[in-house]
Amino acid sequence: MGAKVSKTSGIAAADSIAGLNLSENAKHAAELLLAQFPSDIRFTSGRRSAAKQASAMATNVAAKRKWIQLTYKDTPQRTALQKWIDDHPEAIRADQITAGLVKVMNSWKEADLRNFSRHMSGDAFDVAPVPGPKGEQIKQAISVLPKLQWHTFNEGGLEIWHAQFEA
C-alpha cells in the first residue's frame, strides 16, 4: 500500500525489505537507508540458507578461486570451505562449487553458520552499488547506520556493498 517503486528493479522497495527476512536491527537499518534514498537503493541480498549462501559464493569462487579466503575472516568455517575448493580443482562451474560448499556447510551447527556469515542469521544485507556522487552519499549513510557491526564495499576484490549488524 503506497510502497515506493525502485527505478532500477521495478519492485516495491518496501516489499523487497520484507522479502529479505532480516533480523530486527538489520531490518531497521534497511528501512532507514531506504527512507533516505528511496529511488536509489536496491537490496540484492538478505537472510540466506546454506544453499543460497553457497550459491552466492560459488559464482565469485568460479571467477576467483581464493575469493572465500580473501573475503571472510579467518575462522574454522572459512578454512573448511577454502580447503574444499583447493582440494577440488576439477570443480570449476558455479553449480559444482555450490554443491561442494553446501556439503561442507550442512555439517555445521547454527552458531557456525552465523559465525561464518551474518547473512545466514538475517543480520546482514547487500545493496547494489550506485555510481557517482549519489553512491558516495549512500556509502556514507551505510557507514553510520545504527547497530552496524561491520561494512565493506569490496569483497575479495569485487565491488559488493555489504552491511552487517549486531544480533
N, C-alpha and C. Protein backbone atom coordinates (compact mmCIF):
# COMPACT_ATOMS: atom_id res chain seq x y z
N MET A 1 0.84 -1.18 0.00
CA MET A 1 0.00 0.00 0.00
C MET A 1 0.89 1.24 0.00
N GLY A 2 0.95 1.92 -1.12
CA GLY A 2 1.73 3.13 -1.25
C GLY A 2 3.24 2.91 -1.23
N ALA A 3 3.71 1.71 -1.53
CA ALA A 3 5.15 1.43 -1.49
C ALA A 3 5.85 2.15 -2.63
N LYS A 4 7.02 2.66 -2.33
CA LYS A 4 7.85 3.34 -3.32
C LYS A 4 8.42 2.29 -4.28
N VAL A 5 8.39 2.56 -5.56
CA VAL A 5 8.93 1.62 -6.54
C VAL A 5 10.32 2.08 -6.94
N SER A 6 11.28 1.18 -6.83
CA SER A 6 12.65 1.48 -7.21
C SER A 6 12.75 1.62 -8.72
N LYS A 7 13.47 2.62 -9.19
CA LYS A 7 13.67 2.81 -10.62
C LYS A 7 14.46 1.67 -11.24
N THR A 8 15.37 1.07 -10.45
CA THR A 8 16.25 0.06 -11.02
C THR A 8 15.63 -1.32 -11.06
N SER A 9 14.75 -1.63 -10.12
CA SER A 9 14.26 -3.00 -10.08
C SER A 9 12.81 -3.14 -10.48
N GLY A 10 12.01 -2.06 -10.39
CA GLY A 10 10.61 -2.17 -10.69
C GLY A 10 9.82 -2.88 -9.59
N ILE A 11 10.46 -3.24 -8.49
CA ILE A 11 9.81 -3.92 -7.38
C ILE A 11 9.60 -2.90 -6.27
N ALA A 12 8.47 -2.98 -5.60
CA ALA A 12 8.24 -2.07 -4.48
C ALA A 12 9.33 -2.29 -3.45
N ALA A 13 10.10 -1.25 -3.16
CA ALA A 13 11.25 -1.38 -2.27
C ALA A 13 10.84 -1.82 -0.87
N ALA A 14 9.72 -1.32 -0.37
CA ALA A 14 9.27 -1.74 0.96
C ALA A 14 8.99 -3.24 0.97
N ASP A 15 8.43 -3.74 -0.12
CA ASP A 15 8.19 -5.18 -0.23
C ASP A 15 9.51 -5.94 -0.30
N SER A 16 10.51 -5.33 -0.93
CA SER A 16 11.80 -6.02 -1.03
C SER A 16 12.45 -6.15 0.34
N ILE A 17 12.26 -5.19 1.23
CA ILE A 17 12.80 -5.30 2.58
C ILE A 17 12.12 -6.45 3.30
N ALA A 18 10.81 -6.55 3.19
CA ALA A 18 10.09 -7.66 3.83
C ALA A 18 10.59 -9.00 3.30
N GLY A 19 10.87 -9.06 2.02
CA GLY A 19 11.35 -10.30 1.41
C GLY A 19 12.76 -10.68 1.79
N LEU A 20 13.51 -9.76 2.39
CA LEU A 20 14.88 -10.05 2.81
C LEU A 20 14.93 -10.91 4.07
N ASN A 21 13.84 -10.95 4.82
CA ASN A 21 13.74 -11.76 6.05
C ASN A 21 14.87 -11.42 7.03
N LEU A 22 15.01 -10.14 7.32
CA LEU A 22 16.10 -9.65 8.15
C LEU A 22 15.75 -9.69 9.64
N SER A 23 16.79 -9.71 10.46
CA SER A 23 16.62 -9.55 11.91
C SER A 23 16.15 -8.12 12.17
N GLU A 24 15.73 -7.84 13.38
CA GLU A 24 15.20 -6.50 13.70
C GLU A 24 16.21 -5.39 13.45
N ASN A 25 17.46 -5.56 13.91
CA ASN A 25 18.46 -4.50 13.72
C ASN A 25 18.74 -4.25 12.24
N ALA A 26 18.89 -5.30 11.48
CA ALA A 26 19.18 -5.16 10.05
C ALA A 26 17.98 -4.58 9.31
N LYS A 27 16.78 -5.02 9.67
CA LYS A 27 15.57 -4.50 9.02
C LYS A 27 15.42 -3.00 9.30
N HIS A 28 15.63 -2.60 10.53
CA HIS A 28 15.52 -1.18 10.88
C HIS A 28 16.53 -0.35 10.06
N ALA A 29 17.76 -0.85 9.95
CA ALA A 29 18.79 -0.15 9.18
C ALA A 29 18.39 -0.06 7.70
N ALA A 30 17.87 -1.14 7.16
CA ALA A 30 17.45 -1.15 5.75
C ALA A 30 16.33 -0.12 5.53
N GLU A 31 15.40 -0.06 6.47
CA GLU A 31 14.31 0.91 6.35
C GLU A 31 14.82 2.34 6.40
N LEU A 32 15.78 2.61 7.28
CA LEU A 32 16.37 3.95 7.36
C LEU A 32 17.09 4.31 6.05
N LEU A 33 17.83 3.37 5.51
CA LEU A 33 18.55 3.60 4.26
C LEU A 33 17.58 3.87 3.12
N LEU A 34 16.53 3.08 3.05
CA LEU A 34 15.52 3.26 2.01
C LEU A 34 14.81 4.61 2.15
N ALA A 35 14.52 5.01 3.37
CA ALA A 35 13.85 6.30 3.59
C ALA A 35 14.72 7.46 3.13
N GLN A 36 16.03 7.30 3.29
CA GLN A 36 16.95 8.37 2.91
C GLN A 36 17.20 8.41 1.40
N PHE A 37 17.16 7.24 0.75
CA PHE A 37 17.45 7.14 -0.69
C PHE A 37 16.39 6.29 -1.39
N PRO A 38 15.14 6.73 -1.40
CA PRO A 38 14.05 5.87 -1.85
C PRO A 38 14.12 5.43 -3.32
N SER A 39 14.72 6.23 -4.18
CA SER A 39 14.75 5.84 -5.59
C SER A 39 16.10 5.29 -6.02
N ASP A 40 17.04 5.17 -5.08
CA ASP A 40 18.38 4.75 -5.46
C ASP A 40 18.80 3.40 -4.87
N ILE A 41 18.14 2.96 -3.82
CA ILE A 41 18.54 1.74 -3.13
C ILE A 41 17.87 0.52 -3.75
N ARG A 42 18.69 -0.48 -4.03
CA ARG A 42 18.18 -1.78 -4.46
C ARG A 42 18.90 -2.83 -3.63
N PHE A 43 18.16 -3.50 -2.77
CA PHE A 43 18.73 -4.56 -1.94
C PHE A 43 18.90 -5.81 -2.80
N THR A 44 20.06 -6.42 -2.72
CA THR A 44 20.34 -7.59 -3.54
C THR A 44 20.38 -8.88 -2.73
N SER A 45 20.46 -8.77 -1.40
CA SER A 45 20.53 -9.97 -0.60
C SER A 45 20.23 -9.66 0.86
N GLY A 46 19.61 -10.61 1.53
CA GLY A 46 19.35 -10.54 2.96
C GLY A 46 19.70 -11.88 3.59
N ARG A 47 18.74 -12.43 4.36
CA ARG A 47 18.97 -13.74 5.00
C ARG A 47 19.12 -14.80 3.91
N ARG A 48 20.09 -15.70 4.16
CA ARG A 48 20.35 -16.79 3.21
C ARG A 48 20.38 -18.12 3.93
N SER A 49 19.87 -19.13 3.27
CA SER A 49 20.05 -20.51 3.71
C SER A 49 21.47 -20.93 3.35
N ALA A 50 21.88 -22.10 3.82
CA ALA A 50 23.21 -22.60 3.44
C ALA A 50 23.31 -22.73 1.92
N ALA A 51 22.26 -23.21 1.29
CA ALA A 51 22.29 -23.38 -0.17
C ALA A 51 22.41 -22.03 -0.89
N LYS A 52 21.67 -21.02 -0.42
CA LYS A 52 21.76 -19.70 -1.05
C LYS A 52 23.12 -19.06 -0.79
N GLN A 53 23.66 -19.25 0.41
CA GLN A 53 24.99 -18.71 0.72
C GLN A 53 26.03 -19.36 -0.18
N ALA A 54 25.95 -20.68 -0.31
CA ALA A 54 26.90 -21.40 -1.16
C ALA A 54 26.80 -20.94 -2.61
N SER A 55 25.58 -20.77 -3.09
CA SER A 55 25.38 -20.32 -4.47
C SER A 55 25.94 -18.91 -4.68
N ALA A 56 25.71 -18.03 -3.71
CA ALA A 56 26.23 -16.66 -3.82
C ALA A 56 27.76 -16.66 -3.87
N MET A 57 28.37 -17.50 -3.06
CA MET A 57 29.84 -17.56 -3.04
C MET A 57 30.39 -18.25 -4.28
N ALA A 58 29.69 -19.26 -4.76
CA ALA A 58 30.21 -20.08 -5.86
C ALA A 58 30.47 -19.29 -7.12
N THR A 59 29.61 -18.36 -7.43
CA THR A 59 29.80 -17.52 -8.62
C THR A 59 31.12 -16.76 -8.52
N ASN A 60 31.38 -16.21 -7.33
CA ASN A 60 32.62 -15.46 -7.13
C ASN A 60 33.84 -16.39 -7.12
N VAL A 61 33.69 -17.57 -6.51
CA VAL A 61 34.79 -18.53 -6.46
C VAL A 61 35.13 -19.03 -7.86
N ALA A 62 34.12 -19.22 -8.70
CA ALA A 62 34.37 -19.69 -10.07
C ALA A 62 35.25 -18.68 -10.82
N ALA A 63 35.10 -17.40 -10.49
CA ALA A 63 35.90 -16.36 -11.14
C ALA A 63 37.25 -16.15 -10.45
N LYS A 64 37.30 -16.44 -9.15
CA LYS A 64 38.50 -16.17 -8.35
C LYS A 64 38.59 -17.23 -7.25
N ARG A 65 39.43 -18.25 -7.44
CA ARG A 65 39.46 -19.43 -6.58
C ARG A 65 39.73 -19.12 -5.11
N LYS A 66 40.43 -18.08 -4.80
CA LYS A 66 40.75 -17.74 -3.40
C LYS A 66 39.77 -16.69 -2.84
N TRP A 67 38.64 -16.49 -3.51
CA TRP A 67 37.70 -15.45 -3.11
C TRP A 67 37.25 -15.61 -1.66
N ILE A 68 36.93 -16.81 -1.22
CA ILE A 68 36.49 -17.01 0.17
C ILE A 68 37.60 -16.63 1.13
N GLN A 69 38.79 -17.08 0.86
CA GLN A 69 39.93 -16.75 1.72
C GLN A 69 40.18 -15.25 1.77
N LEU A 70 39.99 -14.58 0.65
CA LEU A 70 40.23 -13.14 0.57
C LEU A 70 39.09 -12.30 1.16
N THR A 71 37.94 -12.92 1.34
CA THR A 71 36.74 -12.18 1.72
C THR A 71 36.36 -12.34 3.19
N TYR A 72 36.42 -13.55 3.69
CA TYR A 72 35.90 -13.83 5.03
C TYR A 72 37.00 -13.84 6.09
N LYS A 73 36.61 -13.49 7.31
CA LYS A 73 37.57 -13.51 8.41
C LYS A 73 38.07 -14.94 8.63
N ASP A 74 39.24 -15.03 9.20
CA ASP A 74 39.90 -16.32 9.42
C ASP A 74 39.18 -17.08 10.54
N THR A 75 38.39 -18.06 10.14
CA THR A 75 37.65 -18.91 11.08
C THR A 75 37.80 -20.35 10.61
N PRO A 76 37.47 -21.31 11.47
CA PRO A 76 37.47 -22.71 11.03
C PRO A 76 36.52 -22.94 9.85
N GLN A 77 35.43 -22.18 9.81
CA GLN A 77 34.47 -22.34 8.71
C GLN A 77 35.08 -21.88 7.38
N ARG A 78 35.75 -20.74 7.39
CA ARG A 78 36.40 -20.27 6.17
C ARG A 78 37.45 -21.27 5.71
N THR A 79 38.23 -21.77 6.67
CA THR A 79 39.27 -22.75 6.34
C THR A 79 38.68 -23.99 5.70
N ALA A 80 37.57 -24.48 6.25
CA ALA A 80 36.94 -25.69 5.72
C ALA A 80 36.43 -25.48 4.29
N LEU A 81 35.82 -24.33 4.04
CA LEU A 81 35.32 -24.05 2.70
C LEU A 81 36.46 -23.88 1.69
N GLN A 82 37.48 -23.13 2.07
CA GLN A 82 38.61 -22.92 1.17
C GLN A 82 39.34 -24.23 0.91
N LYS A 83 39.43 -25.09 1.93
CA LYS A 83 40.06 -26.40 1.76
C LYS A 83 39.31 -27.23 0.73
N TRP A 84 37.97 -27.20 0.82
CA TRP A 84 37.19 -27.96 -0.16
C TRP A 84 37.49 -27.44 -1.57
N ILE A 85 37.53 -26.14 -1.74
CA ILE A 85 37.83 -25.56 -3.06
C ILE A 85 39.22 -25.98 -3.52
N ASP A 86 40.20 -25.86 -2.65
CA ASP A 86 41.57 -26.21 -3.00
C ASP A 86 41.71 -27.69 -3.32
N ASP A 87 40.96 -28.53 -2.62
CA ASP A 87 41.03 -29.98 -2.83
C ASP A 87 40.24 -30.46 -4.04
N HIS A 88 39.47 -29.57 -4.67
CA HIS A 88 38.64 -29.95 -5.81
C HIS A 88 38.85 -29.01 -7.00
N PRO A 89 40.06 -29.03 -7.57
CA PRO A 89 40.32 -28.14 -8.71
C PRO A 89 39.46 -28.46 -9.93
N GLU A 90 38.90 -29.66 -9.97
CA GLU A 90 38.02 -30.03 -11.09
C GLU A 90 36.67 -29.32 -11.02
N ALA A 91 36.29 -28.83 -9.86
CA ALA A 91 35.03 -28.10 -9.70
C ALA A 91 35.24 -26.67 -10.18
N ILE A 92 34.84 -26.40 -11.41
CA ILE A 92 35.08 -25.08 -11.99
C ILE A 92 33.79 -24.31 -12.27
N ARG A 93 32.69 -25.04 -12.40
CA ARG A 93 31.40 -24.37 -12.64
C ARG A 93 30.75 -24.02 -11.30
N ALA A 94 29.96 -22.96 -11.32
CA ALA A 94 29.30 -22.50 -10.09
C ALA A 94 28.43 -23.58 -9.46
N ASP A 95 27.73 -24.38 -10.28
CA ASP A 95 26.87 -25.42 -9.71
C ASP A 95 27.69 -26.50 -9.01
N GLN A 96 28.85 -26.84 -9.54
CA GLN A 96 29.73 -27.82 -8.90
C GLN A 96 30.26 -27.28 -7.57
N ILE A 97 30.67 -26.03 -7.58
CA ILE A 97 31.21 -25.40 -6.38
C ILE A 97 30.10 -25.27 -5.33
N THR A 98 28.92 -24.86 -5.76
CA THR A 98 27.79 -24.75 -4.82
C THR A 98 27.55 -26.08 -4.11
N ALA A 99 27.50 -27.16 -4.86
CA ALA A 99 27.23 -28.47 -4.26
C ALA A 99 28.28 -28.83 -3.21
N GLY A 100 29.54 -28.55 -3.50
CA GLY A 100 30.60 -28.86 -2.54
C GLY A 100 30.53 -27.99 -1.30
N LEU A 101 30.26 -26.71 -1.48
CA LEU A 101 30.19 -25.81 -0.34
C LEU A 101 28.98 -26.13 0.55
N VAL A 102 27.87 -26.49 -0.07
CA VAL A 102 26.68 -26.88 0.71
C VAL A 102 26.99 -28.12 1.55
N LYS A 103 27.68 -29.05 0.96
CA LYS A 103 28.03 -30.28 1.69
C LYS A 103 28.85 -29.93 2.95
N VAL A 104 29.79 -29.03 2.80
CA VAL A 104 30.61 -28.60 3.95
C VAL A 104 29.72 -27.91 4.98
N MET A 105 28.91 -26.95 4.54
CA MET A 105 28.10 -26.17 5.47
C MET A 105 27.01 -26.98 6.16
N ASN A 106 26.52 -28.03 5.50
CA ASN A 106 25.49 -28.86 6.12
C ASN A 106 25.98 -29.60 7.36
N SER A 107 27.29 -29.66 7.55
CA SER A 107 27.83 -30.32 8.75
C SER A 107 27.97 -29.34 9.92
N TRP A 108 27.69 -28.07 9.69
CA TRP A 108 27.87 -27.05 10.72
C TRP A 108 26.65 -26.90 11.60
N LYS A 109 26.89 -26.45 12.83
CA LYS A 109 25.81 -26.08 13.75
C LYS A 109 25.37 -24.66 13.40
N GLU A 110 24.22 -24.26 13.95
CA GLU A 110 23.68 -22.92 13.71
C GLU A 110 24.69 -21.82 14.05
N ALA A 111 25.38 -21.96 15.18
CA ALA A 111 26.36 -20.95 15.59
C ALA A 111 27.52 -20.87 14.59
N ASP A 112 27.90 -21.99 14.00
CA ASP A 112 28.96 -22.00 12.99
C ASP A 112 28.52 -21.23 11.74
N LEU A 113 27.28 -21.44 11.34
CA LEU A 113 26.75 -20.74 10.17
C LEU A 113 26.78 -19.24 10.39
N ARG A 114 26.29 -18.80 11.56
CA ARG A 114 26.25 -17.37 11.87
C ARG A 114 27.67 -16.81 11.99
N ASN A 115 28.57 -17.58 12.57
CA ASN A 115 29.96 -17.13 12.71
C ASN A 115 30.61 -16.91 11.35
N PHE A 116 30.20 -17.70 10.37
CA PHE A 116 30.78 -17.56 9.05
C PHE A 116 30.20 -16.36 8.30
N SER A 117 28.86 -16.24 8.30
CA SER A 117 28.23 -15.15 7.56
C SER A 117 26.97 -14.68 8.28
N ARG A 118 26.90 -13.40 8.52
CA ARG A 118 25.72 -12.82 9.16
C ARG A 118 24.49 -12.89 8.25
N HIS A 119 24.70 -13.15 6.96
CA HIS A 119 23.55 -13.35 6.08
C HIS A 119 22.71 -14.54 6.56
N MET A 120 23.37 -15.52 7.14
CA MET A 120 22.68 -16.76 7.49
C MET A 120 21.78 -16.61 8.72
N SER A 121 21.94 -15.53 9.46
CA SER A 121 21.07 -15.25 10.60
C SER A 121 20.15 -14.05 10.32
N GLY A 122 20.24 -13.49 9.12
CA GLY A 122 19.43 -12.32 8.79
C GLY A 122 19.98 -11.02 9.32
N ASP A 123 21.24 -11.05 9.80
CA ASP A 123 21.86 -9.86 10.37
C ASP A 123 22.70 -9.09 9.35
N ALA A 124 22.48 -9.31 8.05
CA ALA A 124 23.25 -8.62 7.02
C ALA A 124 22.40 -8.44 5.77
N PHE A 125 22.74 -7.40 5.03
CA PHE A 125 22.15 -7.22 3.71
C PHE A 125 23.20 -6.65 2.78
N ASP A 126 22.97 -6.85 1.48
CA ASP A 126 23.81 -6.28 0.44
C ASP A 126 22.95 -5.30 -0.36
N VAL A 127 23.61 -4.27 -0.88
CA VAL A 127 22.96 -3.24 -1.67
C VAL A 127 23.70 -3.15 -3.01
N ALA A 128 22.96 -3.01 -4.09
CA ALA A 128 23.58 -2.84 -5.40
C ALA A 128 24.40 -1.54 -5.41
N PRO A 129 25.65 -1.60 -5.89
CA PRO A 129 26.46 -0.39 -5.97
C PRO A 129 25.79 0.68 -6.83
N VAL A 130 25.97 1.91 -6.43
CA VAL A 130 25.44 3.07 -7.15
C VAL A 130 26.62 3.95 -7.53
N PRO A 131 26.77 4.31 -8.79
CA PRO A 131 27.93 5.13 -9.20
C PRO A 131 27.78 6.60 -8.82
N GLY A 132 28.90 7.29 -8.87
CA GLY A 132 28.92 8.73 -8.75
C GLY A 132 28.68 9.29 -7.36
N PRO A 133 28.36 10.57 -7.31
CA PRO A 133 28.17 11.26 -6.03
C PRO A 133 27.06 10.64 -5.17
N LYS A 134 25.98 10.20 -5.80
CA LYS A 134 24.89 9.57 -5.04
C LYS A 134 25.40 8.31 -4.36
N GLY A 135 26.22 7.55 -5.05
CA GLY A 135 26.80 6.35 -4.46
C GLY A 135 27.66 6.68 -3.25
N GLU A 136 28.41 7.76 -3.34
CA GLU A 136 29.24 8.18 -2.20
C GLU A 136 28.37 8.58 -1.01
N GLN A 137 27.25 9.21 -1.28
CA GLN A 137 26.32 9.58 -0.20
C GLN A 137 25.74 8.32 0.46
N ILE A 138 25.41 7.35 -0.35
CA ILE A 138 24.85 6.10 0.18
C ILE A 138 25.90 5.36 1.01
N LYS A 139 27.13 5.33 0.52
CA LYS A 139 28.20 4.68 1.29
C LYS A 139 28.36 5.34 2.65
N GLN A 140 28.32 6.65 2.68
CA GLN A 140 28.44 7.38 3.94
C GLN A 140 27.28 7.03 4.86
N ALA A 141 26.08 6.97 4.31
CA ALA A 141 24.91 6.64 5.12
C ALA A 141 25.00 5.22 5.67
N ILE A 142 25.50 4.29 4.88
CA ILE A 142 25.67 2.91 5.35
C ILE A 142 26.63 2.89 6.54
N SER A 143 27.70 3.66 6.44
CA SER A 143 28.75 3.61 7.47
C SER A 143 28.30 4.13 8.84
N VAL A 144 27.17 4.80 8.90
CA VAL A 144 26.69 5.32 10.19
C VAL A 144 25.33 4.73 10.59
N LEU A 145 24.92 3.63 9.98
CA LEU A 145 23.65 3.01 10.35
C LEU A 145 23.71 2.51 11.79
N PRO A 146 22.60 2.59 12.52
CA PRO A 146 22.60 2.12 13.91
C PRO A 146 22.82 0.61 14.00
N LYS A 147 23.53 0.22 15.06
CA LYS A 147 23.83 -1.19 15.36
C LYS A 147 24.69 -1.86 14.29
N LEU A 148 25.34 -1.04 13.44
CA LEU A 148 26.23 -1.58 12.42
C LEU A 148 27.42 -2.22 13.10
N GLN A 149 27.69 -3.47 12.75
CA GLN A 149 28.85 -4.17 13.31
C GLN A 149 30.06 -4.03 12.38
N TRP A 150 29.80 -4.11 11.07
CA TRP A 150 30.87 -4.06 10.07
C TRP A 150 30.26 -3.81 8.71
N HIS A 151 31.01 -3.15 7.84
CA HIS A 151 30.56 -2.97 6.46
C HIS A 151 31.78 -2.96 5.53
N THR A 152 31.51 -3.21 4.25
CA THR A 152 32.55 -3.15 3.24
C THR A 152 31.90 -2.82 1.90
N PHE A 153 32.70 -2.28 1.02
CA PHE A 153 32.23 -2.00 -0.33
C PHE A 153 33.05 -2.80 -1.35
N ASN A 154 33.89 -3.68 -0.83
CA ASN A 154 34.74 -4.52 -1.67
C ASN A 154 34.95 -5.85 -0.96
N GLU A 155 34.51 -6.93 -1.59
CA GLU A 155 34.69 -8.26 -1.01
C GLU A 155 35.58 -9.08 -1.95
N GLY A 156 36.77 -9.40 -1.48
CA GLY A 156 37.67 -10.23 -2.27
C GLY A 156 37.99 -9.66 -3.63
N GLY A 157 38.06 -8.34 -3.72
CA GLY A 157 38.40 -7.70 -4.99
C GLY A 157 37.20 -7.41 -5.88
N LEU A 158 36.00 -7.71 -5.43
CA LEU A 158 34.79 -7.44 -6.20
C LEU A 158 33.99 -6.34 -5.51
N GLU A 159 33.36 -5.46 -6.28
CA GLU A 159 32.55 -4.40 -5.69
C GLU A 159 31.23 -4.99 -5.21
N ILE A 160 31.14 -5.17 -3.93
CA ILE A 160 29.93 -5.68 -3.28
C ILE A 160 29.71 -4.81 -2.04
N TRP A 161 28.54 -4.18 -1.94
CA TRP A 161 28.23 -3.33 -0.80
C TRP A 161 27.50 -4.17 0.23
N HIS A 162 28.16 -4.38 1.35
CA HIS A 162 27.67 -5.29 2.41
C HIS A 162 27.65 -4.57 3.74
N ALA A 163 26.57 -4.76 4.49
CA ALA A 163 26.46 -4.22 5.85
C ALA A 163 25.95 -5.31 6.76
N GLN A 164 26.58 -5.45 7.93
CA GLN A 164 26.10 -6.45 8.89
C GLN A 164 25.97 -5.81 10.26
N PHE A 165 25.06 -6.39 11.04
CA PHE A 165 24.58 -5.73 12.25
C PHE A 165 24.68 -6.64 13.47
N GLU A 166 24.65 -5.98 14.63
CA GLU A 166 24.62 -6.71 15.89
C GLU A 166 23.36 -7.55 15.94
N ALA A 167 23.47 -8.69 16.60
CA ALA A 167 22.29 -9.58 16.72
C ALA A 167 21.30 -9.01 17.70
